[in-house]
Amino acid sequence: MNNTSIFDIIGPVMVGPSSSHTAGAVRLGLLAQKIYGELAKEIKITLYNSFAKTGKGHGTDKGLVAGLLGLNVDDSKIKYSLVQAELQGIIINFAYEDSPSRHPNSVDIELTGKNKVTVSGNSLGAGEIEICNIDGFNVSLTGNYHTLVLVYKDQPGIISLVSKYIQDYNINIASLRCDRKSKGEEAAMTICLDEQLADEVLEQISKLPDMYLVRRIEALKK
């Protein structure tokens, strides 16, 4: 049976001329904002390859900033996002790079406010995206699932404890990915879920020792 949806064929309902450069950009910005957890005060956006060369004409800059402001792909205010960011006192800086090692539609988003977080991602086409790195940790977030993002001190038992808390509430784990810098140092975990986590589960996980970042991210609207 073919699992291809009509969304995969015609792309998302969106504002903008290009699903990869505009809708994908909005979704990348929106996921980055959800990972950061609040509006950043200063944002540096580095665009790579096709994003850098043709993105401005396709509204990639406006799309990314719109997502970072919390707008969705079908919001008519996307075209005013740069002005809106300026009105809110958010400093936006753009840089443009050519790197054969990066995806054709790739971006780094550095968000600064109470703390600093760098999120890297790719726009894959038809509005589909992937966040592939958070602060140097390899992750895989597509926005298609409810997702739990954790950064914590690497220590035995954390993965099994987090999984147990989730399974105790009868929530199915679609996928789980871990990465660490080295044994006993900072680690990251991304868990894709079939349902959104309840507040009680999030509180339990937040109380585990040496949890540096806990983010519950709702699946993005298509």
C-alpha atoms as a PDB file:
ATOM      1  CA  MET A   1       0.000   0.000   0.000  1.00  0.00           C
ATOM      2  CA  ASN A   2       1.349   3.440  -0.947  1.00  0.00           C
ATOM      3  CA  ASN A   3       1.616   5.745   2.086  1.00  0.00           C
ATOM      4  CA  THR A   4       2.216   8.896   0.010  1.00  0.00           C
ATOM      5  CA  SER A   5      -0.182  11.662   1.022  1.00  0.00           C
ATOM      6  CA  ILE A   6      -1.568  14.450  -1.140  1.00  0.00           C
ATOM      7  CA  PHE A   7       0.637  16.793   0.934  1.00  0.00           C
ATOM      8  CA  ASP A   8       3.700  14.959  -0.359  1.00  0.00           C
ATOM      9  CA  ILE A   9       2.503  15.437  -3.953  1.00  0.00           C
ATOM     10  CA  ILE A  10       1.341  19.056  -4.047  1.00  0.00           C
ATOM     11  CA  GLY A  11       3.111  20.517  -1.006  1.00  0.00           C
ATOM     12  CA  PRO A  12       1.718  22.552   1.883  1.00  0.00           C
ATOM     13  CA  VAL A  13      -0.883  25.302   1.946  1.00  0.00           C
ATOM     14  CA  MET A  14       1.479  28.235   2.208  1.00  0.00           C
ATOM     15  CA  VAL A  15       2.335  31.856   1.524  1.00  0.00           C
ATOM     16  CA  GLY A  16       5.273  32.249  -0.852  1.00  0.00           C
ATOM     17  CA  PRO A  17       6.592  31.099  -4.221  1.00  0.00           C
ATOM     18  CA  SER A  18       8.590  28.022  -3.194  1.00  0.00           C
ATOM     19  CA  SER A  19       7.827  25.088  -0.911  1.00  0.00           C
ATOM     20  CA  SER A  20      11.500  24.449  -0.137  1.00  0.00           C
ATOM     21  CA  HIS A  21      12.674  28.055   0.106  1.00  0.00           C
ATOM     22  CA  THR A  22       9.568  29.569   1.719  1.00  0.00           C
ATOM     23  CA  ALA A  23       7.386  26.957   3.450  1.00  0.00           C
ATOM     24  CA  GLY A  24      10.418  24.916   4.466  1.00  0.00           C
ATOM     25  CA  ALA A  25      12.077  28.049   5.791  1.00  0.00           C
ATOM     26  CA  VAL A  26       9.039  28.944   7.906  1.00  0.00           C
ATOM     27  CA  ARG A  27       8.932  25.456   9.403  1.00  0.00           C
ATOM     28  CA  LEU A  28      12.683  25.504  10.122  1.00  0.00           C
ATOM     29  CA  GLY A  29      12.333  28.837  11.913  1.00  0.00           C
ATOM     30  CA  LEU A  30       9.300  27.660  13.848  1.00  0.00           C
ATOM     31  CA  LEU A  31      11.036  24.493  15.059  1.00  0.00           C
ATOM     32  CA  ALA A  32      14.122  26.488  16.040  1.00  0.00           C
ATOM     33  CA  GLN A  33      11.931  28.863  18.052  1.00  0.00           C
ATOM     34  CA  LYS A  34      10.229  25.958  19.819  1.00  0.00           C
ATOM     35  CA  ILE A  35      13.614  24.430  20.660  1.00  0.00           C
ATOM     36  CA  TYR A  36      14.813  27.751  22.070  1.00  0.00           C
ATOM     37  CA  GLY A  37      11.611  28.100  24.067  1.00  0.00           C
ATOM     38  CA  GLU A  38      11.043  31.854  23.767  1.00  0.00           C
ATOM     39  CA  LEU A  39      11.615  34.799  21.439  1.00  0.00           C
ATOM     40  CA  ALA A  40      15.325  35.458  21.085  1.00  0.00           C
ATOM     41  CA  LYS A  41      16.695  38.971  21.442  1.00  0.00           C
ATOM     42  CA  GLU A  42      19.320  38.523  18.752  1.00  0.00           C
ATOM     43  CA  ILE A  43      19.429  36.025  15.881  1.00  0.00           C
ATOM     44  CA  LYS A  44      22.183  35.230  13.407  1.00  0.00           C
ATOM     45  CA  ILE A  45      21.022  33.287  10.350  1.00  0.00           C
ATOM     46  CA  THR A  46      23.641  31.699   8.072  1.00  0.00           C
ATOM     47  CA  LEU A  47      22.279  30.482   4.743  1.00  0.00           C
ATOM     48  CA  TYR A  48      24.155  27.914   2.652  1.00  0.00           C
ATOM     49  CA  ASN A  49      24.330  27.060  -1.052  1.00  0.00           C
ATOM     50  CA  SER A  50      20.960  27.401  -2.833  1.00  0.00           C
ATOM     51  CA  PHE A  51      19.432  29.054   0.222  1.00  0.00           C
ATOM     52  CA  ALA A  52      22.233  31.640   0.076  1.00  0.00           C
ATOM     53  CA  LYS A  53      22.119  32.192  -3.698  1.00  0.00           C
ATOM     54  CA  THR A  54      18.390  32.324  -4.460  1.00  0.00           C
ATOM     55  CA  GLY A  55      16.725  32.365  -1.058  1.00  0.00           C
ATOM     56  CA  LYS A  56      16.183  36.091  -0.818  1.00  0.00           C
ATOM     57  CA  GLY A  57      14.213  36.181  -4.063  1.00  0.00           C
ATOM     58  CA  HIS A  58      12.077  33.285  -2.841  1.00  0.00           C
ATOM     59  CA  GLY A  59      11.437  34.840   0.559  1.00  0.00           C
ATOM     60  CA  THR A  60      13.644  32.454   2.535  1.00  0.00           C
ATOM     61  CA  ASP A  61      14.814  35.276   4.811  1.00  0.00           C
ATOM     62  CA  LYS A  62      11.255  36.363   5.545  1.00  0.00           C
ATOM     63  CA  GLY A  63      10.126  32.756   5.968  1.00  0.00           C
ATOM     64  CA  LEU A  64      12.815  31.915   8.516  1.00  0.00           C
ATOM     65  CA  VAL A  65      12.135  35.052  10.542  1.00  0.00           C
ATOM     66  CA  ALA A  66       8.382  34.452  10.361  1.00  0.00           C
ATOM     67  CA  GLY A  67       8.832  30.995  11.845  1.00  0.00           C
ATOM     68  CA  LEU A  68      11.127  32.398  14.530  1.00  0.00           C
ATOM     69  CA  LEU A  69       8.312  34.819  15.429  1.00  0.00           C
ATOM     70  CA  GLY A  70       5.905  31.881  15.751  1.00  0.00           C
ATOM     71  CA  LEU A  71       4.036  32.290  12.444  1.00  0.00           C
ATOM     72  CA  ASN A  72       2.893  29.281  10.428  1.00  0.00           C
ATOM     73  CA  VAL A  73       3.215  28.568   6.700  1.00  0.00           C
ATOM     74  CA  ASP A  74      -0.247  29.875   5.805  1.00  0.00           C
ATOM     75  CA  ASP A  75       0.000  33.181   7.716  1.00  0.00           C
ATOM     76  CA  SER A  76      -0.413  36.255   5.516  1.00  0.00           C
ATOM     77  CA  LYS A  77       1.930  38.218   7.807  1.00  0.00           C
ATOM     78  CA  ILE A  78       4.998  36.234   6.645  1.00  0.00           C
ATOM     79  CA  LYS A  79       5.922  38.913   4.094  1.00  0.00           C
ATOM     80  CA  TYR A  80       6.121  41.507   6.875  1.00  0.00           C
ATOM     81  CA  SER A  81       8.189  39.373   9.253  1.00  0.00           C
ATOM     82  CA  LEU A  82      11.429  41.369   8.950  1.00  0.00           C
ATOM     83  CA  VAL A  83       9.582  44.576   9.803  1.00  0.00           C
ATOM     84  CA  GLN A  84       7.749  42.855  12.660  1.00  0.00           C
ATOM     85  CA  ALA A  85      11.031  41.578  14.128  1.00  0.00           C
ATOM     86  CA  GLU A  86      12.472  45.084  13.995  1.00  0.00           C
ATOM     87  CA  LEU A  87       9.374  46.503  15.709  1.00  0.00           C
ATOM     88  CA  GLN A  88       9.812  43.939  18.488  1.00  0.00           C
ATOM     89  CA  GLY A  89      13.419  44.981  18.952  1.00  0.00           C
ATOM     90  CA  ILE A  90      14.858  41.664  17.718  1.00  0.00           C
ATOM     91  CA  ILE A  91      18.260  42.048  16.047  1.00  0.00           C
ATOM     92  CA  ILE A  92      18.556  39.898  12.911  1.00  0.00           C
ATOM     93  CA  ASN A  93      21.841  39.362  11.075  1.00  0.00           C
ATOM     94  CA  PHE A  94      22.237  37.318   7.892  1.00  0.00           C
ATOM     95  CA  ALA A  95      25.341  35.601   6.538  1.00  0.00           C
ATOM     96  CA  TYR A  96      25.777  33.668   3.285  1.00  0.00           C
ATOM     97  CA  GLU A  97      28.105  30.721   2.701  1.00  0.00           C
ATOM     98  CA  ASP A  98      28.949  28.169   0.018  1.00  0.00           C
ATOM     99  CA  SER A  99      29.827  24.760   1.460  1.00  0.00           C
ATOM    100  CA  PRO A 100      29.874  21.490  -0.542  1.00  0.00           C
ATOM    101  CA  SER A 101      29.548  19.541   2.702  1.00  0.00           C
ATOM    102  CA  ARG A 102      26.174  21.090   3.484  1.00  0.00           C
ATOM    103  CA  HIS A 103      22.723  20.348   2.033  1.00  0.00           C
ATOM    104  CA  PRO A 104      21.723  22.659  -0.879  1.00  0.00           C
ATOM    105  CA  ASN A 105      19.042  24.270   1.296  1.00  0.00           C
ATOM    106  CA  SER A 106      20.799  24.465   4.638  1.00  0.00           C
ATOM    107  CA  VAL A 107      20.771  26.994   7.491  1.00  0.00           C
ATOM    108  CA  ASP A 108      22.366  27.650  10.866  1.00  0.00           C
ATOM    109  CA  ILE A 109      20.277  29.686  13.300  1.00  0.00           C
ATOM    110  CA  GLU A 110      22.050  31.131  16.329  1.00  0.00           C
ATOM    111  CA  LEU A 111      19.585  32.402  18.933  1.00  0.00           C
ATOM    112  CA  THR A 112      20.713  34.623  21.788  1.00  0.00           C
ATOM    113  CA  GLY A 113      18.724  35.867  24.779  1.00  0.00           C
ATOM    114  CA  LYS A 114      18.891  34.447  28.297  1.00  0.00           C
ATOM    115  CA  ASN A 115      21.242  31.864  26.788  1.00  0.00           C
ATOM    116  CA  LYS A 116      22.631  30.943  23.376  1.00  0.00           C
ATOM    117  CA  VAL A 117      21.510  27.996  21.236  1.00  0.00           C
ATOM    118  CA  THR A 118      22.546  27.145  17.671  1.00  0.00           C
ATOM    119  CA  VAL A 119      20.166  25.073  15.545  1.00  0.00           C
ATOM    120  CA  SER A 120      21.052  23.688  12.112  1.00  0.00           C
ATOM    121  CA  GLY A 121      18.608  22.304   9.589  1.00  0.00           C
ATOM    122  CA  ASN A 122      17.769  21.520   5.983  1.00  0.00           C
ATOM    123  CA  SER A 123      14.766  22.146   3.768  1.00  0.00           C
ATOM    124  CA  LEU A 124      14.120  18.915   1.874  1.00  0.00           C
ATOM    125  CA  GLY A 125      11.370  19.991  -0.553  1.00  0.00           C
ATOM    126  CA  ALA A 126       7.552  20.093  -0.519  1.00  0.00           C
ATOM    127  CA  GLY A 127       7.746  21.860   2.842  1.00  0.00           C
ATOM    128  CA  GLU A 128       9.503  18.929   4.503  1.00  0.00           C
ATOM    129  CA  ILE A 129      12.426  19.784   6.781  1.00  0.00           C
ATOM    130  CA  GLU A 130      14.906  18.298   9.216  1.00  0.00           C
ATOM    131  CA  ILE A 131      16.649  19.863  12.182  1.00  0.00           C
ATOM    132  CA  CYS A 132      19.909  17.936  12.188  1.00  0.00           C
ATOM    133  CA  ASN A 133      21.991  19.573  14.909  1.00  0.00           C
ATOM    134  CA  ILE A 134      21.471  21.435  18.180  1.00  0.00           C
ATOM    135  CA  ASP A 135      24.580  22.975  19.781  1.00  0.00           C
ATOM    136  CA  GLY A 136      26.857  20.428  18.138  1.00  0.00           C
ATOM    137  CA  PHE A 137      24.680  17.400  18.930  1.00  0.00           C
ATOM    138  CA  ASN A 138      23.350  15.322  16.035  1.00  0.00           C
ATOM    139  CA  VAL A 139      19.551  15.114  16.159  1.00  0.00           C
ATOM    140  CA  SER A 140      16.704  14.387  13.758  1.00  0.00           C
ATOM    141  CA  LEU A 141      13.561  16.519  14.109  1.00  0.00           C
ATOM    142  CA  THR A 142      11.141  16.771  11.205  1.00  0.00           C
ATOM    143  CA  GLY A 143       8.220  18.467  12.930  1.00  0.00           C
ATOM    144  CA  ASN A 144       5.976  15.608  11.803  1.00  0.00           C
ATOM    145  CA  TYR A 145       5.834  14.088  15.313  1.00  0.00           C
ATOM    146  CA  HIS A 146       5.358  15.360  18.804  1.00  0.00           C
ATOM    147  CA  THR A 147       8.941  15.428  20.041  1.00  0.00           C
ATOM    148  CA  LEU A 148      10.793  15.564  23.345  1.00  0.00           C
ATOM    149  CA  VAL A 149      14.228  17.204  23.184  1.00  0.00           C
ATOM    150  CA  LEU A 150      16.650  16.739  26.091  1.00  0.00           C
ATOM    151  CA  VAL A 151      20.190  17.912  26.806  1.00  0.00           C
ATOM    152  CA  TYR A 152      21.666  16.377  29.951  1.00  0.00           C
ATOM    153  CA  LYS A 153      24.776  14.978  31.582  1.00  0.00           C
ATOM    154  CA  ASP A 154      25.616  11.577  30.156  1.00  0.00           C
ATOM    155  CA  GLN A 155      25.173   8.968  32.881  1.00  0.00           C
ATOM    156  CA  PRO A 156      23.925   5.369  33.122  1.00  0.00           C
ATOM    157  CA  GLY A 157      20.166   4.788  33.300  1.00  0.00           C
ATOM    158  CA  ILE A 158      18.861   8.094  31.914  1.00  0.00           C
ATOM    159  CA  ILE A 159      17.566   6.608  28.651  1.00  0.00           C
ATOM    160  CA  SER A 160      15.707   3.796  30.436  1.00  0.00           C
ATOM    161  CA  LEU A 161      14.254   6.194  33.050  1.00  0.00           C
ATOM    162  CA  VAL A 162      12.975   8.648  30.438  1.00  0.00           C
ATOM    163  CA  SER A 163      11.528   5.784  28.362  1.00  0.00           C
ATOM    164  CA  LYS A 164       9.820   4.320  31.449  1.00  0.00           C
ATOM    165  CA  TYR A 165       8.156   7.632  32.360  1.00  0.00           C
ATOM    166  CA  ILE A 166       6.797   7.900  28.808  1.00  0.00           C
ATOM    167  CA  GLN A 167       5.619   4.286  28.621  1.00  0.00           C
ATOM    168  CA  ASP A 168       3.961   4.516  32.067  1.00  0.00           C
ATOM    169  CA  TYR A 169       1.503   6.914  30.418  1.00  0.00           C
ATOM    170  CA  ASN A 170       0.955   4.481  27.537  1.00  0.00           C
ATOM    171  CA  ILE A 171       2.533   6.799  24.966  1.00  0.00           C
ATOM    172  CA  ASN A 172       4.204   5.049  22.060  1.00  0.00           C
ATOM    173  CA  ILE A 173       7.756   6.046  21.119  1.00  0.00           C
ATOM    174  CA  ALA A 174       8.105   6.293  17.329  1.00  0.00           C
ATOM    175  CA  SER A 175      11.876   6.810  17.408  1.00  0.00           C
ATOM    176  CA  LEU A 176      14.649   7.676  19.849  1.00  0.00           C
ATOM    177  CA  ARG A 177      18.056   9.116  19.016  1.00  0.00           C
ATOM    178  CA  CYS A 178      20.972   9.923  21.332  1.00  0.00           C
ATOM    179  CA  ASP A 179      24.264  11.699  20.830  1.00  0.00           C
ATOM    180  CA  ARG A 180      27.030  12.724  23.245  1.00  0.00           C
ATOM    181  CA  LYS A 181      30.274  14.664  23.086  1.00  0.00           C
ATOM    182  CA  SER A 182      32.118  12.130  25.220  1.00  0.00           C
ATOM    183  CA  LYS A 183      31.474   9.719  28.090  1.00  0.00           C
ATOM    184  CA  GLY A 184      30.181  11.511  31.161  1.00  0.00           C
ATOM    185  CA  GLU A 185      29.855  14.863  29.365  1.00  0.00           C
ATOM    186  CA  GLU A 186      26.833  16.575  27.809  1.00  0.00           C
ATOM    187  CA  ALA A 187      24.471  14.399  25.773  1.00  0.00           C
ATOM    188  CA  ALA A 188      21.311  14.982  23.756  1.00  0.00           C
ATOM    189  CA  MET A 189      18.224  12.852  23.236  1.00  0.00           C
ATOM    190  CA  THR A 190      15.381  13.381  20.757  1.00  0.00           C
ATOM    191  CA  ILE A 191      12.280  11.215  21.139  1.00  0.00           C
ATOM    192  CA  CYS A 192       9.482  11.236  18.545  1.00  0.00           C
ATOM    193  CA  LEU A 193       6.090  10.331  20.005  1.00  0.00           C
ATOM    194  CA  ASP A 194       2.668   9.330  18.680  1.00  0.00           C
ATOM    195  CA  GLU A 195       0.992  11.594  21.268  1.00  0.00           C
ATOM    196  CA  GLN A 196       1.897  14.790  23.071  1.00  0.00           C
ATOM    197  CA  LEU A 197       3.420  14.354  26.534  1.00  0.00           C
ATOM    198  CA  ALA A 198       1.298  15.234  29.549  1.00  0.00           C
ATOM    199  CA  ASP A 199       2.562  17.908  31.949  1.00  0.00           C
ATOM    200  CA  GLU A 200       3.104  15.254  34.622  1.00  0.00           C
ATOM    201  CA  VAL A 201       5.569  13.336  32.440  1.00  0.00           C
ATOM    202  CA  LEU A 202       7.457  16.480  31.533  1.00  0.00           C
ATOM    203  CA  GLU A 203       7.723  17.421  35.216  1.00  0.00           C
ATOM    204  CA  GLN A 204       9.076  13.980  36.125  1.00  0.00           C
ATOM    205  CA  ILE A 205      11.720  14.151  33.433  1.00  0.00           C
ATOM    206  CA  SER A 206      12.644  17.738  34.332  1.00  0.00           C
ATOM    207  CA  LYS A 207      13.388  16.637  37.913  1.00  0.00           C
ATOM    208  CA  LEU A 208      15.965  14.063  36.827  1.00  0.00           C
ATOM    209  CA  PRO A 209      19.512  15.073  37.858  1.00  0.00           C
ATOM    210  CA  ASP A 210      21.621  17.206  35.525  1.00  0.00           C
ATOM    211  CA  MET A 211      18.909  17.960  32.955  1.00  0.00           C
ATOM    212  CA  TYR A 212      20.083  21.112  31.157  1.00  0.00           C
ATOM    213  CA  LEU A 213      17.351  21.437  28.535  1.00  0.00           C
ATOM    214  CA  VAL A 214      13.863  19.901  28.400  1.00  0.00           C
ATOM    215  CA  ARG A 215      11.601  20.872  25.494  1.00  0.00           C
ATOM    216  CA  ARG A 216       8.222  19.424  24.568  1.00  0.00           C
ATOM    217  CA  ILE A 217       7.593  20.270  20.913  1.00  0.00           C
ATOM    218  CA  GLU A 218       4.183  19.854  19.321  1.00  0.00           C
ATOM    219  CA  ALA A 219       4.020  18.454  15.787  1.00  0.00           C
ATOM    220  CA  LEU A 220       3.941  21.273  13.239  1.00  0.00           C
ATOM    221  CA  LYS A 221       0.836  22.136  11.288  1.00  0.00           C
ATOM    222  CA  LYS A 222       0.852  21.141   7.626  1.00  0.00           C
END
